[in-house]
Amino acid sequence: MIIEGGFKIKAMKLKQLSKEEAGEFYAVHKERPFYGELIDYMSSGPIVAMILEKDNAVADFRALIGATDPAEAAEGTIRKKYATSKAENAVHGSDSDENAEIESNFHFDAEEVVG
């Protein structure tokens, strides 16, 4: 779905987040009621971290993944197809170019990114 959506994968890796790493990554959601469940889920198994490239990448990817709550996600989106709850929502997408850079740097070193 990501490739079909016109995105180019600049970097990708399989990794396992510890509870501490997941907590750091999702610190912005610390006060939300689903935070604990989100941290448990995100540290329960491996994730695939990616840096994607496309004109208007942030907005286009957020449209592709759908609403955080899969019950509210549009038909055909990743979350509508694969998510089970707000905490187990199958995919994360940065909400701004600035956060995309911060989140990319969290998962990747500069030498891991394809020119």
PDB file of N, CA and C in Angstrom:
ATOM      1  N   MET A   1       0.820  -1.193   0.000  1.00  0.00           N
ATOM      2  CA  MET A   1       0.000   0.000   0.000  1.00  0.00           C
ATOM      3  C   MET A   1       0.869   1.264   0.000  1.00  0.00           C
ATOM      4  N   ILE A   2       1.976   1.205   0.691  1.00  0.00           N
ATOM      5  CA  ILE A   2       2.855   2.363   0.774  1.00  0.00           C
ATOM      6  C   ILE A   2       3.502   2.642  -0.581  1.00  0.00           C
ATOM      7  N   ILE A   3       4.033   1.620  -1.198  1.00  0.00           N
ATOM      8  CA  ILE A   3       4.644   1.775  -2.526  1.00  0.00           C
ATOM      9  C   ILE A   3       3.580   2.186  -3.542  1.00  0.00           C
ATOM     10  N   GLU A   4       2.431   1.523  -3.498  1.00  0.00           N
ATOM     11  CA  GLU A   4       1.343   1.872  -4.420  1.00  0.00           C
ATOM     12  C   GLU A   4       0.859   3.305  -4.210  1.00  0.00           C
ATOM     13  N   GLY A   5       1.060   3.843  -3.010  1.00  0.00           N
ATOM     14  CA  GLY A   5       0.685   5.214  -2.704  1.00  0.00           C
ATOM     15  C   GLY A   5       1.679   6.238  -3.222  1.00  0.00           C
ATOM     16  N   GLY A   6       2.732   5.767  -3.894  1.00  0.00           N
ATOM     17  CA  GLY A   6       3.698   6.677  -4.504  1.00  0.00           C
ATOM     18  C   GLY A   6       4.873   7.061  -3.614  1.00  0.00           C
ATOM     19  N   PHE A   7       5.038   6.367  -2.488  1.00  0.00           N
ATOM     20  CA  PHE A   7       6.134   6.681  -1.585  1.00  0.00           C
ATOM     21  C   PHE A   7       7.392   5.913  -1.971  1.00  0.00           C
ATOM     22  N   LYS A   8       8.542   6.538  -1.770  1.00  0.00           N
ATOM     23  CA  LYS A   8       9.841   5.898  -1.947  1.00  0.00           C
ATOM     24  C   LYS A   8      10.397   5.625  -0.555  1.00  0.00           C
ATOM     25  N   ILE A   9      10.870   4.420  -0.321  1.00  0.00           N
ATOM     26  CA  ILE A   9      11.457   4.061   0.972  1.00  0.00           C
ATOM     27  C   ILE A   9      12.924   4.477   0.957  1.00  0.00           C
ATOM     28  N   LYS A  10      13.272   5.431   1.832  1.00  0.00           N
ATOM     29  CA  LYS A  10      14.640   5.943   1.941  1.00  0.00           C
ATOM     30  C   LYS A  10      15.458   5.145   2.960  1.00  0.00           C
ATOM     31  N   ALA A  11      14.790   4.561   3.943  1.00  0.00           N
ATOM     32  CA  ALA A  11      15.448   3.730   4.954  1.00  0.00           C
ATOM     33  C   ALA A  11      14.378   2.839   5.568  1.00  0.00           C
ATOM     34  N   MET A  12      14.792   1.630   5.954  1.00  0.00           N
ATOM     35  CA  MET A  12      13.851   0.698   6.573  1.00  0.00           C
ATOM     36  C   MET A  12      14.645  -0.289   7.421  1.00  0.00           C
ATOM     37  N   LYS A  13      14.121  -0.572   8.604  1.00  0.00           N
ATOM     38  CA  LYS A  13      14.757  -1.597   9.438  1.00  0.00           C
ATOM     39  C   LYS A  13      13.751  -2.204  10.403  1.00  0.00           C
ATOM     40  N   LEU A  14      14.007  -3.435  10.715  1.00  0.00           N
ATOM     41  CA  LEU A  14      13.245  -4.169  11.719  1.00  0.00           C
ATOM     42  C   LEU A  14      13.960  -3.959  13.050  1.00  0.00           C
ATOM     43  N   LYS A  15      13.219  -3.568  14.070  1.00  0.00           N
ATOM     44  CA  LYS A  15      13.833  -3.364  15.380  1.00  0.00           C
ATOM     45  C   LYS A  15      12.836  -3.660  16.482  1.00  0.00           C
ATOM     46  N   GLN A  16      13.349  -3.885  17.665  1.00  0.00           N
ATOM     47  CA  GLN A  16      12.531  -4.150  18.846  1.00  0.00           C
ATOM     48  C   GLN A  16      12.708  -2.981  19.804  1.00  0.00           C
ATOM     49  N   LEU A  17      11.611  -2.310  20.152  1.00  0.00           N
ATOM     50  CA  LEU A  17      11.660  -1.223  21.119  1.00  0.00           C
ATOM     51  C   LEU A  17      11.507  -1.770  22.531  1.00  0.00           C
ATOM     52  N   SER A  18      12.340  -1.287  23.434  1.00  0.00           N
ATOM     53  CA  SER A  18      12.126  -1.589  24.846  1.00  0.00           C
ATOM     54  C   SER A  18      10.962  -0.719  25.325  1.00  0.00           C
ATOM     55  N   LYS A  19      10.439  -1.015  26.508  1.00  0.00           N
ATOM     56  CA  LYS A  19       9.379  -0.159  27.072  1.00  0.00           C
ATOM     57  C   LYS A  19       9.888   1.270  27.240  1.00  0.00           C
ATOM     58  N   GLU A  20      11.145   1.415  27.635  1.00  0.00           N
ATOM     59  CA  GLU A  20      11.722   2.746  27.819  1.00  0.00           C
ATOM     60  C   GLU A  20      11.791   3.498  26.493  1.00  0.00           C
ATOM     61  N   GLU A  21      12.241   2.823  25.431  1.00  0.00           N
ATOM     62  CA  GLU A  21      12.314   3.468  24.112  1.00  0.00           C
ATOM     63  C   GLU A  21      10.925   3.834  23.598  1.00  0.00           C
ATOM     64  N   ALA A  22       9.973   2.933  23.758  1.00  0.00           N
ATOM     65  CA  ALA A  22       8.604   3.220  23.322  1.00  0.00           C
ATOM     66  C   ALA A  22       8.047   4.399  24.114  1.00  0.00           C
ATOM     67  N   GLY A  23       8.331   4.446  25.412  1.00  0.00           N
ATOM     68  CA  GLY A  23       7.885   5.553  26.240  1.00  0.00           C
ATOM     69  C   GLY A  23       8.486   6.875  25.805  1.00  0.00           C
ATOM     70  N   GLU A  24       9.768   6.848  25.432  1.00  0.00           N
ATOM     71  CA  GLU A  24      10.431   8.060  24.943  1.00  0.00           C
ATOM     72  C   GLU A  24       9.826   8.504  23.611  1.00  0.00           C
ATOM     73  N   PHE A  25       9.626   7.552  22.714  1.00  0.00           N
ATOM     74  CA  PHE A  25       9.097   7.878  21.389  1.00  0.00           C
ATOM     75  C   PHE A  25       7.693   8.479  21.483  1.00  0.00           C
ATOM     76  N   TYR A  26       6.863   7.935  22.364  1.00  0.00           N
ATOM     77  CA  TYR A  26       5.470   8.368  22.484  1.00  0.00           C
ATOM     78  C   TYR A  26       5.231   9.277  23.692  1.00  0.00           C
ATOM     79  N   ALA A  27       6.276   9.934  24.198  1.00  0.00           N
ATOM     80  CA  ALA A  27       6.157  10.792  25.381  1.00  0.00           C
ATOM     81  C   ALA A  27       5.076  11.858  25.219  1.00  0.00           C
ATOM     82  N   VAL A  28       4.851  12.336  24.015  1.00  0.00           N
ATOM     83  CA  VAL A  28       3.836  13.361  23.768  1.00  0.00           C
ATOM     84  C   VAL A  28       2.431  12.882  24.161  1.00  0.00           C
ATOM     85  N   HIS A  29       2.229  11.567  24.201  1.00  0.00           N
ATOM     86  CA  HIS A  29       0.923  10.999  24.538  1.00  0.00           C
ATOM     87  C   HIS A  29       0.829  10.552  26.001  1.00  0.00           C
ATOM     88  N   LYS A  30       1.799  10.905  26.807  1.00  0.00           N
ATOM     89  CA  LYS A  30       1.882  10.399  28.182  1.00  0.00           C
ATOM     90  C   LYS A  30       0.612  10.622  29.001  1.00  0.00           C
ATOM     91  N   GLU A  31      -0.084  11.707  28.780  1.00  0.00           N
ATOM     92  CA  GLU A  31      -1.286  12.015  29.558  1.00  0.00           C
ATOM     93  C   GLU A  31      -2.561  11.392  28.975  1.00  0.00           C
ATOM     94  N   ARG A  32      -2.454  10.754  27.847  1.00  0.00           N
ATOM     95  CA  ARG A  32      -3.632  10.163  27.215  1.00  0.00           C
ATOM     96  C   ARG A  32      -3.974   8.823  27.863  1.00  0.00           C
ATOM     97  N   PRO A  33      -5.258   8.478  27.886  1.00  0.00           N
ATOM     98  CA  PRO A  33      -5.667   7.250  28.577  1.00  0.00           C
ATOM     99  C   PRO A  33      -5.118   5.959  27.949  1.00  0.00           C
ATOM    100  N   PHE A  34      -4.758   6.005  26.678  1.00  0.00           N
ATOM    101  CA  PHE A  34      -4.265   4.801  26.005  1.00  0.00           C
ATOM    102  C   PHE A  34      -2.738   4.671  26.044  1.00  0.00           C
ATOM    103  N   TYR A  35      -2.045   5.582  26.714  1.00  0.00           N
ATOM    104  CA  TYR A  35      -0.575   5.607  26.720  1.00  0.00           C
ATOM    105  C   TYR A  35       0.039   4.279  27.192  1.00  0.00           C
ATOM    106  N   GLY A  36      -0.396   3.782  28.330  1.00  0.00           N
ATOM    107  CA  GLY A  36       0.169   2.539  28.860  1.00  0.00           C
ATOM    108  C   GLY A  36      -0.034   1.370  27.918  1.00  0.00           C
ATOM    109  N   GLU A  37      -1.235   1.259  27.367  1.00  0.00           N
ATOM    110  CA  GLU A  37      -1.530   0.186  26.420  1.00  0.00           C
ATOM    111  C   GLU A  37      -0.685   0.341  25.149  1.00  0.00           C
ATOM    112  N   LEU A  38      -0.489   1.588  24.704  1.00  0.00           N
ATOM    113  CA  LEU A  38       0.325   1.862  23.519  1.00  0.00           C
ATOM    114  C   LEU A  38       1.767   1.436  23.750  1.00  0.00           C
ATOM    115  N   ILE A  39       2.327   1.779  24.894  1.00  0.00           N
ATOM    116  CA  ILE A  39       3.708   1.413  25.210  1.00  0.00           C
ATOM    117  C   ILE A  39       3.848  -0.102  25.304  1.00  0.00           C
ATOM    118  N   ASP A  40       2.909  -0.763  25.949  1.00  0.00           N
ATOM    119  CA  ASP A  40       2.943  -2.223  26.032  1.00  0.00           C
ATOM    120  C   ASP A  40       2.909  -2.846  24.636  1.00  0.00           C
ATOM    121  N   TYR A  41       2.020  -2.350  23.788  1.00  0.00           N
ATOM    122  CA  TYR A  41       1.890  -2.900  22.437  1.00  0.00           C
ATOM    123  C   TYR A  41       3.147  -2.646  21.608  1.00  0.00           C
ATOM    124  N   MET A  42       3.650  -1.419  21.649  1.00  0.00           N
ATOM    125  CA  MET A  42       4.798  -1.067  20.810  1.00  0.00           C
ATOM    126  C   MET A  42       6.091  -1.752  21.247  1.00  0.00           C
ATOM    127  N   SER A  43       6.130  -2.245  22.458  1.00  0.00           N
ATOM    128  CA  SER A  43       7.317  -2.968  22.918  1.00  0.00           C
ATOM    129  C   SER A  43       7.083  -4.482  22.974  1.00  0.00           C
ATOM    130  N   SER A  44       5.936  -4.942  22.494  1.00  0.00           N
ATOM    131  CA  SER A  44       5.587  -6.361  22.592  1.00  0.00           C
ATOM    132  C   SER A  44       6.181  -7.222  21.480  1.00  0.00           C
ATOM    133  N   GLY A  45       6.693  -6.607  20.442  1.00  0.00           N
ATOM    134  CA  GLY A  45       7.266  -7.345  19.324  1.00  0.00           C
ATOM    135  C   GLY A  45       7.998  -6.391  18.414  1.00  0.00           C
ATOM    136  N   PRO A  46       8.591  -6.915  17.356  1.00  0.00           N
ATOM    137  CA  PRO A  46       9.363  -6.048  16.463  1.00  0.00           C
ATOM    138  C   PRO A  46       8.473  -5.064  15.697  1.00  0.00           C
ATOM    139  N   ILE A  47       9.079  -3.942  15.324  1.00  0.00           N
ATOM    140  CA  ILE A  47       8.427  -2.954  14.466  1.00  0.00           C
ATOM    141  C   ILE A  47       9.258  -2.799  13.196  1.00  0.00           C
ATOM    142  N   VAL A  48       8.680  -2.240  12.175  1.00  0.00           N
ATOM    143  CA  VAL A  48       9.413  -1.872  10.973  1.00  0.00           C
ATOM    144  C   VAL A  48       9.404  -0.355  10.906  1.00  0.00           C
ATOM    145  N   ALA A  49      10.573   0.244  11.117  1.00  0.00           N
ATOM    146  CA  ALA A  49      10.712   1.699  11.033  1.00  0.00           C
ATOM    147  C   ALA A  49      11.100   2.051   9.602  1.00  0.00           C
ATOM    148  N   MET A  50      10.498   3.124   9.072  1.00  0.00           N
ATOM    149  CA  MET A  50      10.793   3.549   7.710  1.00  0.00           C
ATOM    150  C   MET A  50      10.878   5.060   7.619  1.00  0.00           C
ATOM    151  N   ILE A  51      11.710   5.519   6.712  1.00  0.00           N
ATOM    152  CA  ILE A  51      11.702   6.907   6.282  1.00  0.00           C
ATOM    153  C   ILE A  51      11.184   6.890   4.855  1.00  0.00           C
ATOM    154  N   LEU A  52      10.111   7.637   4.621  1.00  0.00           N
ATOM    155  CA  LEU A  52       9.468   7.661   3.323  1.00  0.00           C
ATOM    156  C   LEU A  52       9.655   9.020   2.667  1.00  0.00           C
ATOM    157  N   GLU A  53       9.682   9.021   1.343  1.00  0.00           N
ATOM    158  CA  GLU A  53       9.823  10.267   0.594  1.00  0.00           C
ATOM    159  C   GLU A  53       8.720  10.370  -0.450  1.00  0.00           C
ATOM    160  N   LYS A  54       8.167  11.562  -0.555  1.00  0.00           N
ATOM    161  CA  LYS A  54       7.156  11.871  -1.563  1.00  0.00           C
ATOM    162  C   LYS A  54       6.814  13.346  -1.401  1.00  0.00           C
ATOM    163  N   ASP A  55       6.445  14.012  -2.469  1.00  0.00           N
ATOM    164  CA  ASP A  55       5.925  15.367  -2.318  1.00  0.00           C
ATOM    165  C   ASP A  55       4.705  15.285  -1.415  1.00  0.00           C
ATOM    166  N   ASN A  56       4.618  16.204  -0.464  1.00  0.00           N
ATOM    167  CA  ASN A  56       3.481  16.243   0.468  1.00  0.00           C
ATOM    168  C   ASN A  56       3.380  14.942   1.283  1.00  0.00           C
ATOM    169  N   ALA A  57       4.535  14.379   1.639  1.00  0.00           N
ATOM    170  CA  ALA A  57       4.600  13.057   2.262  1.00  0.00           C
ATOM    171  C   ALA A  57       3.793  12.942   3.549  1.00  0.00           C
ATOM    172  N   VAL A  58       3.900  13.923   4.442  1.00  0.00           N
ATOM    173  CA  VAL A  58       3.224  13.810   5.741  1.00  0.00           C
ATOM    174  C   VAL A  58       1.715  13.732   5.552  1.00  0.00           C
ATOM    175  N   ALA A  59       1.146  14.666   4.827  1.00  0.00           N
ATOM    176  CA  ALA A  59      -0.310  14.677   4.627  1.00  0.00           C
ATOM    177  C   ALA A  59      -0.773  13.457   3.839  1.00  0.00           C
ATOM    178  N   ASP A  60      -0.029  13.089   2.806  1.00  0.00           N
ATOM    179  CA  ASP A  60      -0.429  11.939   1.994  1.00  0.00           C
ATOM    180  C   ASP A  60      -0.349  10.637   2.794  1.00  0.00           C
ATOM    181  N   PHE A  61       0.685  10.502   3.639  1.00  0.00           N
ATOM    182  CA  PHE A  61       0.790   9.284   4.430  1.00  0.00           C
ATOM    183  C   PHE A  61      -0.303   9.219   5.483  1.00  0.00           C
ATOM    184  N   ARG A  62      -0.615  10.342   6.096  1.00  0.00           N
ATOM    185  CA  ARG A  62      -1.689  10.351   7.099  1.00  0.00           C
ATOM    186  C   ARG A  62      -3.029  10.000   6.445  1.00  0.00           C
ATOM    187  N   ALA A  63      -3.225  10.406   5.214  1.00  0.00           N
ATOM    188  CA  ALA A  63      -4.448  10.021   4.497  1.00  0.00           C
ATOM    189  C   ALA A  63      -4.441   8.516   4.212  1.00  0.00           C
ATOM    190  N   LEU A  64      -3.287   7.970   3.861  1.00  0.00           N
ATOM    191  CA  LEU A  64      -3.163   6.541   3.569  1.00  0.00           C
ATOM    192  C   LEU A  64      -3.402   5.689   4.813  1.00  0.00           C
ATOM    193  N   ILE A  65      -2.923   6.148   5.967  1.00  0.00           N
ATOM    194  CA  ILE A  65      -3.070   5.322   7.167  1.00  0.00           C
ATOM    195  C   ILE A  65      -4.435   5.462   7.824  1.00  0.00           C
ATOM    196  N   GLY A  66      -5.094   6.610   7.682  1.00  0.00           N
ATOM    197  CA  GLY A  66      -6.423   6.792   8.255  1.00  0.00           C
ATOM    198  C   GLY A  66      -6.393   7.291   9.691  1.00  0.00           C
ATOM    199  N   ALA A  67      -7.562   7.505  10.244  1.00  0.00           N
ATOM    200  CA  ALA A  67      -7.727   8.030  11.605  1.00  0.00           C
ATOM    201  C   ALA A  67      -7.110   7.092  12.634  1.00  0.00           C
ATOM    202  N   THR A  68      -6.622   7.676  13.743  1.00  0.00           N
ATOM    203  CA  THR A  68      -6.002   6.893  14.816  1.00  0.00           C
ATOM    204  C   THR A  68      -6.938   5.810  15.337  1.00  0.00           C
ATOM    205  N   ASP A  69      -8.205   6.137  15.480  1.00  0.00           N
ATOM    206  CA  ASP A  69      -9.214   5.161  15.910  1.00  0.00           C
ATOM    207  C   ASP A  69      -9.670   4.396  14.676  1.00  0.00           C
ATOM    208  N   PRO A  70      -9.353   3.101  14.593  1.00  0.00           N
ATOM    209  CA  PRO A  70      -9.717   2.354  13.391  1.00  0.00           C
ATOM    210  C   PRO A  70     -11.220   2.338  13.115  1.00  0.00           C
ATOM    211  N   ALA A  71     -12.034   2.529  14.145  1.00  0.00           N
ATOM    212  CA  ALA A  71     -13.486   2.581  13.932  1.00  0.00           C
ATOM    213  C   ALA A  71     -13.883   3.829  13.159  1.00  0.00           C
ATOM    214  N   GLU A  72     -13.027   4.861  13.198  1.00  0.00           N
ATOM    215  CA  GLU A  72     -13.304   6.108  12.492  1.00  0.00           C
ATOM    216  C   GLU A  72     -12.508   6.235  11.201  1.00  0.00           C
ATOM    217  N   ALA A  73     -11.620   5.290  10.937  1.00  0.00           N
ATOM    218  CA  ALA A  73     -10.768   5.357   9.743  1.00  0.00           C
ATOM    219  C   ALA A  73     -11.579   5.067   8.482  1.00  0.00           C
ATOM    220  N   ALA A  74     -11.217   5.744   7.411  1.00  0.00           N
ATOM    221  CA  ALA A  74     -11.898   5.566   6.130  1.00  0.00           C
ATOM    222  C   ALA A  74     -11.623   4.176   5.564  1.00  0.00           C
ATOM    223  N   GLU A  75     -12.585   3.663   4.833  1.00  0.00           N
ATOM    224  CA  GLU A  75     -12.415   2.378   4.153  1.00  0.00           C
ATOM    225  C   GLU A  75     -11.182   2.433   3.258  1.00  0.00           C
ATOM    226  N   GLY A  76     -10.451   1.323   3.222  1.00  0.00           N
ATOM    227  CA  GLY A  76      -9.283   1.225   2.363  1.00  0.00           C
ATOM    228  C   GLY A  76      -7.999   1.749   2.983  1.00  0.00           C
ATOM    229  N   THR A  77      -8.067   2.369   4.176  1.00  0.00           N
ATOM    230  CA  THR A  77      -6.850   2.845   4.831  1.00  0.00           C
ATOM    231  C   THR A  77      -6.186   1.707   5.595  1.00  0.00           C
ATOM    232  N   ILE A  78      -4.913   1.890   5.899  1.00  0.00           N
ATOM    233  CA  ILE A  78      -4.163   0.863   6.620  1.00  0.00           C
ATOM    234  C   ILE A  78      -4.807   0.548   7.964  1.00  0.00           C
ATOM    235  N   ARG A  79      -5.178   1.585   8.707  1.00  0.00           N
ATOM    236  CA  ARG A  79      -5.763   1.342  10.024  1.00  0.00           C
ATOM    237  C   ARG A  79      -7.139   0.696   9.935  1.00  0.00           C
ATOM    238  N   LYS A  80      -7.923   1.033   8.953  1.00  0.00           N
ATOM    239  CA  LYS A  80      -9.232   0.395   8.802  1.00  0.00           C
ATOM    240  C   LYS A  80      -9.044  -1.097   8.534  1.00  0.00           C
ATOM    241  N   LYS A  81      -8.023  -1.424   7.737  1.00  0.00           N
ATOM    242  CA  LYS A  81      -7.780  -2.821   7.365  1.00  0.00           C
ATOM    243  C   LYS A  81      -7.101  -3.637   8.469  1.00  0.00           C
ATOM    244  N   TYR A  82      -6.177  -3.015   9.222  1.00  0.00           N
ATOM    245  CA  TYR A  82      -5.306  -3.810  10.086  1.00  0.00           C
ATOM    246  C   TYR A  82      -5.314  -3.463  11.571  1.00  0.00           C
ATOM    247  N   ALA A  83      -5.812  -2.305  11.961  1.00  0.00           N
ATOM    248  CA  ALA A  83      -5.762  -1.905  13.367  1.00  0.00           C
ATOM    249  C   ALA A  83      -6.902  -2.529  14.167  1.00  0.00           C
ATOM    250  N   THR A  84      -6.679  -2.657  15.468  1.00  0.00           N
ATOM    251  CA  THR A  84      -7.719  -3.206  16.340  1.00  0.00           C
ATOM    252  C   THR A  84      -8.199  -2.219  17.397  1.00  0.00           C
ATOM    253  N   SER A  85      -7.409  -1.165  17.664  1.00  0.00           N
ATOM    254  CA  SER A  85      -7.785  -0.156  18.665  1.00  0.00           C
ATOM    255  C   SER A  85      -6.900   1.075  18.476  1.00  0.00           C
ATOM    256  N   LYS A  86      -7.139   2.121  19.260  1.00  0.00           N
ATOM    257  CA  LYS A  86      -6.282   3.311  19.208  1.00  0.00           C
ATOM    258  C   LYS A  86      -4.843   2.967  19.591  1.00  0.00           C
ATOM    259  N   ALA A  87      -4.676   2.100  20.550  1.00  0.00           N
ATOM    260  CA  ALA A  87      -3.334   1.718  20.994  1.00  0.00           C
ATOM    261  C   ALA A  87      -2.688   0.715  20.037  1.00  0.00           C
ATOM    262  N   GLU A  88      -3.473  -0.178  19.485  1.00  0.00           N
ATOM    263  CA  GLU A  88      -2.970  -1.186  18.545  1.00  0.00           C
ATOM    264  C   GLU A  88      -3.423  -0.798  17.147  1.00  0.00           C
ATOM    265  N   ASN A  89      -2.937   0.379  16.699  1.00  0.00           N
ATOM    266  CA  ASN A  89      -3.472   0.935  15.463  1.00  0.00           C
ATOM    267  C   ASN A  89      -2.642   0.630  14.226  1.00  0.00           C
ATOM    268  N   ALA A  90      -1.746  -0.321  14.322  1.00  0.00           N
ATOM    269  CA  ALA A  90      -1.050  -0.935  13.195  1.00  0.00           C
ATOM    270  C   ALA A  90       0.059  -0.096  12.564  1.00  0.00           C
ATOM    271  N   VAL A  91      -0.001   1.236  12.671  1.00  0.00           N
ATOM    272  CA  VAL A  91       0.983   2.057  11.962  1.00  0.00           C
ATOM    273  C   VAL A  91       1.076   3.430  12.627  1.00  0.00           C
ATOM    274  N   HIS A  92       2.259   3.997  12.562  1.00  0.00           N
ATOM    275  CA  HIS A  92       2.466   5.354  13.056  1.00  0.00           C
ATOM    276  C   HIS A  92       2.859   6.235  11.886  1.00  0.00           C
ATOM    277  N   GLY A  93       2.389   7.453  11.879  1.00  0.00           N
ATOM    278  CA  GLY A  93       2.788   8.433  10.871  1.00  0.00           C
ATOM    279  C   GLY A  93       3.044   9.767  11.533  1.00  0.00           C
ATOM    280  N   SER A  94       4.144  10.399  11.189  1.00  0.00           N
ATOM    281  CA  SER A  94       4.470  11.713  11.737  1.00  0.00           C
ATOM    282  C   SER A  94       3.375  12.709  11.377  1.00  0.00           C
ATOM    283  N   ASP A  95       3.162  13.692  12.271  1.00  0.00           N
ATOM    284  CA  ASP A  95       2.097  14.673  12.038  1.00  0.00           C
ATOM    285  C   ASP A  95       2.603  16.003  11.488  1.00  0.00           C
ATOM    286  N   SER A  96       3.916  16.117  11.278  1.00  0.00           N
ATOM    287  CA  SER A  96       4.488  17.332  10.697  1.00  0.00           C
ATOM    288  C   SER A  96       5.863  16.995  10.132  1.00  0.00           C
ATOM    289  N   ASP A  97       6.374  17.869   9.269  1.00  0.00           N
ATOM    290  CA  ASP A  97       7.714  17.669   8.734  1.00  0.00           C
ATOM    291  C   ASP A  97       8.750  17.708   9.865  1.00  0.00           C
ATOM    292  N   GLU A  98       8.536  18.599  10.837  1.00  0.00           N
ATOM    293  CA  GLU A  98       9.468  18.719  11.954  1.00  0.00           C
ATOM    294  C   GLU A  98       9.498  17.429  12.780  1.00  0.00           C
ATOM    295  N   ASN A  99       8.320  16.879  13.085  1.00  0.00           N
ATOM    296  CA  ASN A  99       8.279  15.620  13.842  1.00  0.00           C
ATOM    297  C   ASN A  99       8.802  14.453  13.021  1.00  0.00           C
ATOM    298  N   ALA A 100       8.606  14.484  11.716  1.00  0.00           N
ATOM    299  CA  ALA A 100       9.151  13.428  10.854  1.00  0.00           C
ATOM    300  C   ALA A 100      10.671  13.388  10.972  1.00  0.00           C
ATOM    301  N   GLU A 101      11.305  14.553  11.009  1.00  0.00           N
ATOM    302  CA  GLU A 101      12.756  14.596  11.154  1.00  0.00           C
ATOM    303  C   GLU A 101      13.187  14.086  12.531  1.00  0.00           C
ATOM    304  N   ILE A 102      12.506  14.515  13.577  1.00  0.00           N
ATOM    305  CA  ILE A 102      12.814  14.057  14.938  1.00  0.00           C
ATOM    306  C   ILE A 102      12.637  12.543  15.033  1.00  0.00           C
ATOM    307  N   GLU A 103      11.523  12.032  14.514  1.00  0.00           N
ATOM    308  CA  GLU A 103      11.233  10.600  14.605  1.00  0.00           C
ATOM    309  C   GLU A 103      12.178   9.780  13.739  1.00  0.00           C
ATOM    310  N   SER A 104      12.559  10.312  12.577  1.00  0.00           N
ATOM    311  CA  SER A 104      13.546   9.627  11.733  1.00  0.00           C
ATOM    312  C   SER A 104      14.873   9.509  12.462  1.00  0.00           C
ATOM    313  N   ASN A 105      15.290  10.592  13.111  1.00  0.00           N
ATOM    314  CA  ASN A 105      16.550  10.577  13.857  1.00  0.00           C
ATOM    315  C   ASN A 105      16.490   9.648  15.062  1.00  0.00           C
ATOM    316  N   PHE A 106      15.312   9.403  15.598  1.00  0.00           N
ATOM    317  CA  PHE A 106      15.144   8.466  16.710  1.00  0.00           C
ATOM    318  C   PHE A 106      15.502   7.042  16.265  1.00  0.00           C
ATOM    319  N   HIS A 107      15.117   6.688  15.050  1.00  0.00           N
ATOM    320  CA  HIS A 107      15.281   5.313  14.570  1.00  0.00           C
ATOM    321  C   HIS A 107      16.508   5.085  13.685  1.00  0.00           C
ATOM    322  N   PHE A 108      17.021   6.140  13.039  1.00  0.00           N
ATOM    323  CA  PHE A 108      18.076   5.957  12.041  1.00  0.00           C
ATOM    324  C   PHE A 108      19.243   6.914  12.238  1.00  0.00           C
ATOM    325  N   ASP A 109      20.442   6.421  11.918  1.00  0.00           N
ATOM    326  CA  ASP A 109      21.627   7.265  11.804  1.00  0.00           C
ATOM    327  C   ASP A 109      21.700   7.746  10.357  1.00  0.00           C
ATOM    328  N   ALA A 110      22.367   8.852  10.108  1.00  0.00           N
ATOM    329  CA  ALA A 110      22.437   9.444   8.770  1.00  0.00           C
ATOM    330  C   ALA A 110      22.946   8.449   7.717  1.00  0.00           C
ATOM    331  N   GLU A 111      23.889   7.609   8.086  1.00  0.00           N
ATOM    332  CA  GLU A 111      24.465   6.672   7.103  1.00  0.00           C
ATOM    333  C   GLU A 111      23.495   5.540   6.724  1.00  0.00           C
ATOM    334  N   GLU A 112      22.404   5.408   7.451  1.00  0.00           N
ATOM    335  CA  GLU A 112      21.411   4.364   7.133  1.00  0.00           C
ATOM    336  C   GLU A 112      20.390   4.823   6.096  1.00  0.00           C
ATOM    337  N   VAL A 113      20.378   6.101   5.765  1.00  0.00           N
ATOM    338  CA  VAL A 113      19.395   6.663   4.852  1.00  0.00           C
ATOM    339  C   VAL A 113      19.954   6.686   3.436  1.00  0.00           C
ATOM    340  N   VAL A 114      19.179   6.133   2.489  1.00  0.00           N
ATOM    341  CA  VAL A 114      19.580   6.100   1.085  1.00  0.00           C
ATOM    342  C   VAL A 114      19.423   7.489   0.491  1.00  0.00           C
ATOM    343  N   GLY A 115      20.480   7.978  -0.195  1.00  0.00           N
ATOM    344  CA  GLY A 115      20.474   9.307  -0.819  1.00  0.00           C
ATOM    345  C   GLY A 115      19.285   9.574  -1.565  1.00  0.00           C
TER     346      GLY A 115
END
